[in-house]
Structures are given as C-alpha cells and as structure tokens.
PDB file of N, CA and C in Angstrom:
ATOM      1  N   GLU A   1     123.261  94.350 138.841  1.00  0.00           N
ATOM      2  CA  GLU A   1     121.838  93.922 138.604  1.00  0.00           C
ATOM      3  C   GLU A   1     121.540  94.871 137.323  1.00  0.00           C
ATOM      4  N   LYS A   2     121.527  96.380 137.646  1.00  0.00           N
ATOM      5  CA  LYS A   2     121.053  97.326 136.531  1.00  0.00           C
ATOM      6  C   LYS A   2     121.592  96.964 135.148  1.00  0.00           C
ATOM      7  N   PHE A   3     123.198  96.627 135.575  1.00  0.00           N
ATOM      8  CA  PHE A   3     123.962  96.541 134.076  1.00  0.00           C
ATOM      9  C   PHE A   3     123.598  95.145 133.328  1.00  0.00           C
ATOM     10  N   ASN A   4     123.225  94.121 134.441  1.00  0.00           N
ATOM     11  CA  ASN A   4     122.595  93.405 133.473  1.00  0.00           C
ATOM     12  C   ASN A   4     121.637  93.010 133.010  1.00  0.00           C
ATOM     13  N   ARG A   5     120.354  94.445 133.481  1.00  0.00           N
ATOM     14  CA  ARG A   5     118.837  94.430 133.082  1.00  0.00           C
ATOM     15  C   ARG A   5     119.414  95.146 131.643  1.00  0.00           C
ATOM     16  N   VAL A   6     119.933  96.149 131.525  1.00  0.00           N
ATOM     17  CA  VAL A   6     120.222  97.185 130.380  1.00  0.00           C
ATOM     18  C   VAL A   6     120.752  96.153 129.435  1.00  0.00           C
ATOM     19  N   ASN A   7     122.008  95.582 129.784  1.00  0.00           N
ATOM     20  CA  ASN A   7     122.506  94.285 128.653  1.00  0.00           C
ATOM     21  C   ASN A   7     121.428  93.462 128.737  1.00  0.00           C
ATOM     22  N   GLY A   8     120.436  92.959 128.977  1.00  0.00           N
ATOM     23  CA  GLY A   8     119.548  92.093 128.665  1.00  0.00           C
ATOM     24  C   GLY A   8     118.602  92.816 127.462  1.00  0.00           C
ATOM     25  N   LYS A   9     118.175  94.477 127.825  1.00  0.00           N
ATOM     26  CA  LYS A   9     117.457  94.855 126.857  1.00  0.00           C
ATOM     27  C   LYS A   9     118.108  95.227 125.512  1.00  0.00           C
ATOM     28  N   TYR A  10     119.182  94.917 125.800  1.00  0.00           N
ATOM     29  CA  TYR A  10     120.357  95.516 124.467  1.00  0.00           C
ATOM     30  C   TYR A  10     120.222  94.295 123.674  1.00  0.00           C
ATOM     31  N   ASN A  11     120.216  93.401 124.601  1.00  0.00           N
ATOM     32  CA  ASN A  11     120.359  91.814 123.396  1.00  0.00           C
ATOM     33  C   ASN A  11     119.090  91.536 122.761  1.00  0.00           C
ATOM     34  N   ASP A  12     117.850  91.815 123.471  1.00  0.00           N
ATOM     35  CA  ASP A  12     116.603  91.512 123.002  1.00  0.00           C
ATOM     36  C   ASP A  12     116.493  92.985 121.850  1.00  0.00           C
ATOM     37  N   LEU A  13     116.772  94.200 121.861  1.00  0.00           N
ATOM     38  CA  LEU A  13     116.780  95.045 120.874  1.00  0.00           C
ATOM     39  C   LEU A  13     117.304  94.322 119.246  1.00  0.00           C
ATOM     40  N   GLU A  14     119.156  93.770 120.119  1.00  0.00           N
ATOM     41  CA  GLU A  14     119.270  93.459 118.806  1.00  0.00           C
ATOM     42  C   GLU A  14     119.001  92.580 118.161  1.00  0.00           C
ATOM     43  N   SER A  15     118.249  91.506 119.004  1.00  0.00           N
ATOM     44  CA  SER A  15     117.447  90.327 118.437  1.00  0.00           C
ATOM     45  C   SER A  15     116.160  91.119 117.543  1.00  0.00           C
ATOM     46  N   GLU A  16     115.831  91.676 118.158  1.00  0.00           N
ATOM     47  CA  GLU A  16     114.026  92.192 117.524  1.00  0.00           C
ATOM     48  C   GLU A  16     114.876  93.152 115.824  1.00  0.00           C
ATOM     49  N   ARG A  17     116.194  93.966 115.949  1.00  0.00           N
ATOM     50  CA  ARG A  17     116.460  94.527 114.975  1.00  0.00           C
ATOM     51  C   ARG A  17     117.190  93.344 113.632  1.00  0.00           C
ATOM     52  N   LYS A  18     117.838  92.158 113.811  1.00  0.00           N
ATOM     53  CA  LYS A  18     118.468  91.177 112.955  1.00  0.00           C
ATOM     54  C   LYS A  18     117.212  90.726 112.496  1.00  0.00           C
ATOM     55  N   ARG A  19     115.896  90.491 113.594  1.00  0.00           N
ATOM     56  CA  ARG A  19     114.701  89.456 112.741  1.00  0.00           C
ATOM     57  C   ARG A  19     114.094  90.881 111.968  1.00  0.00           C
ATOM     58  N   LEU A  20     113.772  92.033 112.357  1.00  0.00           N
ATOM     59  CA  LEU A  20     113.819  93.551 111.294  1.00  0.00           C
ATOM     60  C   LEU A  20     114.390  93.423 109.942  1.00  0.00           C
ATOM     61  N   GLU A  21     115.451  93.220 109.999  1.00  0.00           N
ATOM     62  CA  GLU A  21     116.633  93.082 108.925  1.00  0.00           C
ATOM     63  C   GLU A  21     116.041  92.316 108.044  1.00  0.00           C
ATOM     64  N   ASP A  22     116.480  90.511 108.571  1.00  0.00           N
ATOM     65  CA  ASP A  22     115.612  89.529 108.107  1.00  0.00           C
ATOM     66  C   ASP A  22     114.288  90.006 106.964  1.00  0.00           C
ATOM     67  N   THR A  23     113.823  90.330 107.781  1.00  0.00           N
ATOM     68  CA  THR A  23     112.162  90.133 107.039  1.00  0.00           C
ATOM     69  C   THR A  23     112.236  91.168 105.959  1.00  0.00           C
ATOM     70  N   VAL A  24     112.661  92.888 106.300  1.00  0.00           N
ATOM     71  CA  VAL A  24     113.016  93.467 105.087  1.00  0.00           C
ATOM     72  C   VAL A  24     113.665  92.528 103.774  1.00  0.00           C
ATOM     73  N   GLU A  25     114.537  92.439 104.037  1.00  0.00           N
ATOM     74  CA  GLU A  25     116.049  91.416 103.158  1.00  0.00           C
ATOM     75  C   GLU A  25     114.848  90.223 102.742  1.00  0.00           C
ATOM     76  N   MET A  26     113.861  89.458 103.420  1.00  0.00           N
ATOM     77  CA  MET A  26     113.440  88.676 102.536  1.00  0.00           C
ATOM     78  C   MET A  26     112.328  89.417 101.532  1.00  0.00           C
ATOM     79  N   GLN A  27     111.973  90.888 102.187  1.00  0.00           N
ATOM     80  CA  GLN A  27     110.636  91.273 101.255  1.00  0.00           C
ATOM     81  C   GLN A  27     111.511  92.237 100.205  1.00  0.00           C
ATOM     82  N   ASN A  28     112.461  92.386  99.504  1.00  0.00           N
ATOM     83  CA  ASN A  28     113.131  92.646  99.143  1.00  0.00           C
ATOM     84  C   ASN A  28     113.585  91.386  98.221  1.00  0.00           C
ATOM     85  N   GLU A  29     113.612  90.264  98.537  1.00  0.00           N
ATOM     86  CA  GLU A  29     113.986  89.489  97.502  1.00  0.00           C
ATOM     87  C   GLU A  29     112.816  88.949  96.691  1.00  0.00           C
ATOM     88  N   LYS A  30     111.661  88.888  97.315  1.00  0.00           N
ATOM     89  CA  LYS A  30     110.811  88.070  96.914  1.00  0.00           C
ATOM     90  C   LYS A  30     110.284  89.142  95.358  1.00  0.00           C
ATOM     91  N   ILE A  31     110.269  90.914  96.071  1.00  0.00           N
ATOM     92  CA  ILE A  31     109.888  91.519  95.155  1.00  0.00           C
ATOM     93  C   ILE A  31     110.392  91.598  93.864  1.00  0.00           C
ATOM     94  N   LYS A  32     111.504  91.535  93.841  1.00  0.00           N
ATOM     95  CA  LYS A  32     112.843  91.381  92.985  1.00  0.00           C
ATOM     96  C   LYS A  32     112.619  90.035  92.227  1.00  0.00           C
ATOM     97  N   ASN A  33     112.413  88.451  93.092  1.00  0.00           N
ATOM     98  CA  ASN A  33     111.830  87.204  92.012  1.00  0.00           C
ATOM     99  C   ASN A  33     110.878  87.800  91.127  1.00  0.00           C
ATOM    100  N   ASP A  34     109.427  88.179  91.774  1.00  0.00           N
ATOM    101  CA  ASP A  34     108.271  88.020  91.432  1.00  0.00           C
ATOM    102  C   ASP A  34     108.455  89.463  90.170  1.00  0.00           C
ATOM    103  N   GLU A  35     109.268  90.548  90.467  1.00  0.00           N
ATOM    104  CA  GLU A  35     109.341  91.502  89.259  1.00  0.00           C
ATOM    105  C   GLU A  35     110.078  90.489  88.210  1.00  0.00           C
ATOM    106  N   ASN A  36     110.940  90.434  88.487  1.00  0.00           N
ATOM    107  CA  ASN A  36     111.973  89.436  87.129  1.00  0.00           C
ATOM    108  C   ASN A  36     110.726  87.945  86.473  1.00  0.00           C
ATOM    109  N   LYS A  37     109.797  87.605  87.757  1.00  0.00           N
ATOM    110  CA  LYS A  37     108.875  86.499  86.703  1.00  0.00           C
ATOM    111  C   LYS A  37     107.884  88.149  86.061  1.00  0.00           C
ATOM    112  N   LEU A  38     107.614  89.244  86.633  1.00  0.00           N
ATOM    113  CA  LEU A  38     106.639  89.684  85.440  1.00  0.00           C
ATOM    114  C   LEU A  38     107.255  89.788  84.498  1.00  0.00           C
ATOM    115  N   PHE A  39     108.485  90.585  84.256  1.00  0.00           N
ATOM    116  CA  PHE A  39     108.963  91.437  83.076  1.00  0.00           C
ATOM    117  C   PHE A  39     109.357  90.116  82.194  1.00  0.00           C
ATOM    118  N   SER A  40     109.843  88.789  82.469  1.00  0.00           N
ATOM    119  CA  SER A  40     110.694  88.140  81.662  1.00  0.00           C
ATOM    120  C   SER A  40     109.555  87.299  80.044  1.00  0.00           C
ATOM    121  N   GLY A  41     108.310  87.593  80.908  1.00  0.00           N
ATOM    122  CA  GLY A  41     107.405  87.397  79.068  1.00  0.00           C
ATOM    123  C   GLY A  41     106.951  85.982  79.377  1.00  0.00           C
ATOM    124  N   THR A  42     107.456  85.260  80.419  1.00  0.00           N
ATOM    125  CA  THR A  42     107.764  83.513  80.774  1.00  0.00           C
ATOM    126  C   THR A  42     105.741  83.503  81.110  1.00  0.00           C
ATOM    127  N   ILE A  43     105.481  84.305  81.976  1.00  0.00           N
ATOM    128  CA  ILE A  43     104.339  83.787  81.929  1.00  0.00           C
ATOM    129  C   ILE A  43     102.874  84.810  81.460  1.00  0.00           C
ATOM    130  N   THR A  44     101.938  83.670  81.055  1.00  0.00           N
ATOM    131  CA  THR A  44     101.411  84.260  80.216  1.00  0.00           C
ATOM    132  C   THR A  44      99.832  84.424  80.764  1.00  0.00           C
ATOM    133  N   SER A  45     100.062  83.518  81.395  1.00  0.00           N
ATOM    134  CA  SER A  45      98.060  83.752  82.434  1.00  0.00           C
ATOM    135  C   SER A  45      98.062  85.637  82.757  1.00  0.00           C
ATOM    136  N   ALA A  46      96.786  86.004  82.717  1.00  0.00           N
ATOM    137  CA  ALA A  46      96.350  87.195  83.070  1.00  0.00           C
ATOM    138  C   ALA A  46      96.425  87.325  84.380  1.00  0.00           C
ATOM    139  N   LYS A  47      95.624  86.502  84.786  1.00  0.00           N
ATOM    140  CA  LYS A  47      95.236  85.960  86.194  1.00  0.00           C
ATOM    141  C   LYS A  47      96.917  85.702  87.020  1.00  0.00           C
ATOM    142  N   GLU A  48      97.675  84.676  86.737  1.00  0.00           N
ATOM    143  CA  GLU A  48      98.804  84.597  86.917  1.00  0.00           C
ATOM    144  C   GLU A  48     100.045  86.270  87.593  1.00  0.00           C
ATOM    145  N   LEU A  49      99.701  86.838  85.985  1.00  0.00           N
ATOM    146  CA  LEU A  49     100.360  88.077  86.045  1.00  0.00           C
ATOM    147  C   LEU A  49      99.859  89.177  87.463  1.00  0.00           C
ATOM    148  N   GLU A  50      98.813  89.255  87.578  1.00  0.00           N
ATOM    149  CA  GLU A  50      97.781  90.300  87.955  1.00  0.00           C
ATOM    150  C   GLU A  50      98.309  89.403  89.182  1.00  0.00           C
ATOM    151  N   ASN A  51      97.970  88.240  89.850  1.00  0.00           N
ATOM    152  CA  ASN A  51      98.374  87.862  91.143  1.00  0.00           C
ATOM    153  C   ASN A  51     100.115  88.280  91.488  1.00  0.00           C
ATOM    154  N   TYR A  52     100.947  87.834  90.930  1.00  0.00           N
ATOM    155  CA  TYR A  52     102.329  89.195  90.985  1.00  0.00           C
ATOM    156  C   TYR A  52     102.125  90.089  91.100  1.00  0.00           C
ATOM    157  N   GLN A  53     101.414  90.989  90.332  1.00  0.00           N
ATOM    158  CA  GLN A  53     101.469  92.374  90.799  1.00  0.00           C
ATOM    159  C   GLN A  53     101.159  92.748  91.827  1.00  0.00           C
ATOM    160  N   ASN A  54      99.805  92.454  92.463  1.00  0.00           N
ATOM    161  CA  ASN A  54      99.192  92.557  93.469  1.00  0.00           C
ATOM    162  C   ASN A  54      99.984  92.014  94.911  1.00  0.00           C
ATOM    163  N   GLU A  55     100.605  91.276  94.455  1.00  0.00           N
ATOM    164  CA  GLU A  55     101.785  91.258  96.060  1.00  0.00           C
ATOM    165  C   GLU A  55     102.926  91.967  95.880  1.00  0.00           C
ATOM    166  N   VAL A  56     103.522  92.088  94.320  1.00  0.00           N
ATOM    167  CA  VAL A  56     104.571  93.124  94.650  1.00  0.00           C
ATOM    168  C   VAL A  56     103.924  94.469  95.206  1.00  0.00           C
ATOM    169  N   LYS A  57     102.723  94.910  95.235  1.00  0.00           N
ATOM    170  CA  LYS A  57     102.505  96.158  95.203  1.00  0.00           C
ATOM    171  C   LYS A  57     102.199  95.591  96.578  1.00  0.00           C
ATOM    172  N   ASN A  58     101.507  94.643  97.072  1.00  0.00           N
ATOM    173  CA  ASN A  58     100.884  94.998  98.886  1.00  0.00           C
ATOM    174  C   ASN A  58     102.309  94.806  99.747  1.00  0.00           C
ATOM    175  N   ILE A  59     103.664  94.219  99.532  1.00  0.00           N
ATOM    176  CA  ILE A  59     105.022  94.455  99.795  1.00  0.00           C
ATOM    177  C   ILE A  59     105.324  95.455  99.514  1.00  0.00           C
ATOM    178  N   LYS A  60     105.112  96.208  98.456  1.00  0.00           N
ATOM    179  CA  LYS A  60     105.685  97.484  98.790  1.00  0.00           C
ATOM    180  C   LYS A  60     104.999  98.330  99.151  1.00  0.00           C
ATOM    181  N   THR A  61     103.590  98.362  99.903  1.00  0.00           N
ATOM    182  CA  THR A  61     102.778  99.295 100.285  1.00  0.00           C
ATOM    183  C   THR A  61     102.863  98.836 101.833  1.00  0.00           C
ATOM    184  N   LYS A  62     103.323  98.006 102.078  1.00  0.00           N
ATOM    185  CA  LYS A  62     103.435  97.636 103.889  1.00  0.00           C
ATOM    186  C   LYS A  62     104.968  97.993 104.126  1.00  0.00           C
ATOM    187  N   LYS A  63     105.812  97.411 103.442  1.00  0.00           N
ATOM    188  CA  LYS A  63     107.079  98.580 103.331  1.00  0.00           C
ATOM    189  C   LYS A  63     107.379 100.051 103.862  1.00  0.00           C
ATOM    190  N   PHE A  64     106.568 100.620 102.747  1.00  0.00           N
ATOM    191  CA  PHE A  64     106.396 101.961 102.938  1.00  0.00           C
ATOM    192  C   PHE A  64     105.784 102.375 104.148  1.00  0.00           C
ATOM    193  N   ARG A  65     104.211 102.389 104.779  1.00  0.00           N
ATOM    194  CA  ARG A  65     103.949 101.948 105.608  1.00  0.00           C
ATOM    195  C   ARG A  65     104.781 101.447 107.382  1.00  0.00           C
ATOM    196  N   ASN A  66     105.724 100.682 107.211  1.00  0.00           N
ATOM    197  CA  ASN A  66     106.710 100.526 107.893  1.00  0.00           C
ATOM    198  C   ASN A  66     108.309 101.176 108.252  1.00  0.00           C
ATOM    199  N   GLY A  67     107.999 102.024 107.337  1.00  0.00           N
ATOM    200  CA  GLY A  67     108.968 102.789 106.614  1.00  0.00           C
ATOM    201  C   GLY A  67     110.227 101.995 106.397  1.00  0.00           C
ATOM    202  N   ARG A  68     110.306 101.833 105.925  1.00  0.00           N
ATOM    203  CA  ARG A  68     111.552 100.592 105.756  1.00  0.00           C
ATOM    204  C   ARG A  68     111.860 100.712 104.264  1.00  0.00           C
TER     205      ARG A  68
END
C-alpha cells in the first residue's frame, strides 16, 4: 500500500513536471515568434509594436519570477 501511495505521488509529480516543461516551451516559442515579428520590420503600427514588446516583457518577467 505504501508503495502504491509513493508511486502515485511520483506519477503526480511527473505529470506536473511535464506540464510545467510544456508551459515553459510554449512561452519560449511565443517570445521567439513575437521577437521575430518585432525585428522583422513588417509591423508598422506603433501600437502593435508596443503590444508585442509588452507581451514579451510580461512573459520574460513571469518566467524570471518563477525561476525558469
């Protein structure tokens, strides 16, 4: 019984680790895509540029706070 509890906890932690890794991967991809748009020269609207800059900044700040 103790083994099953420990094994269940391990599986829960593995699932959480995978979820967090997937989240970090998605955030990194979002940053990469947004930075590519920012520096590509294709965005001409100042407001749109500002929105992308703020989004990248917010994601990076959130990642830094979470230690990733």
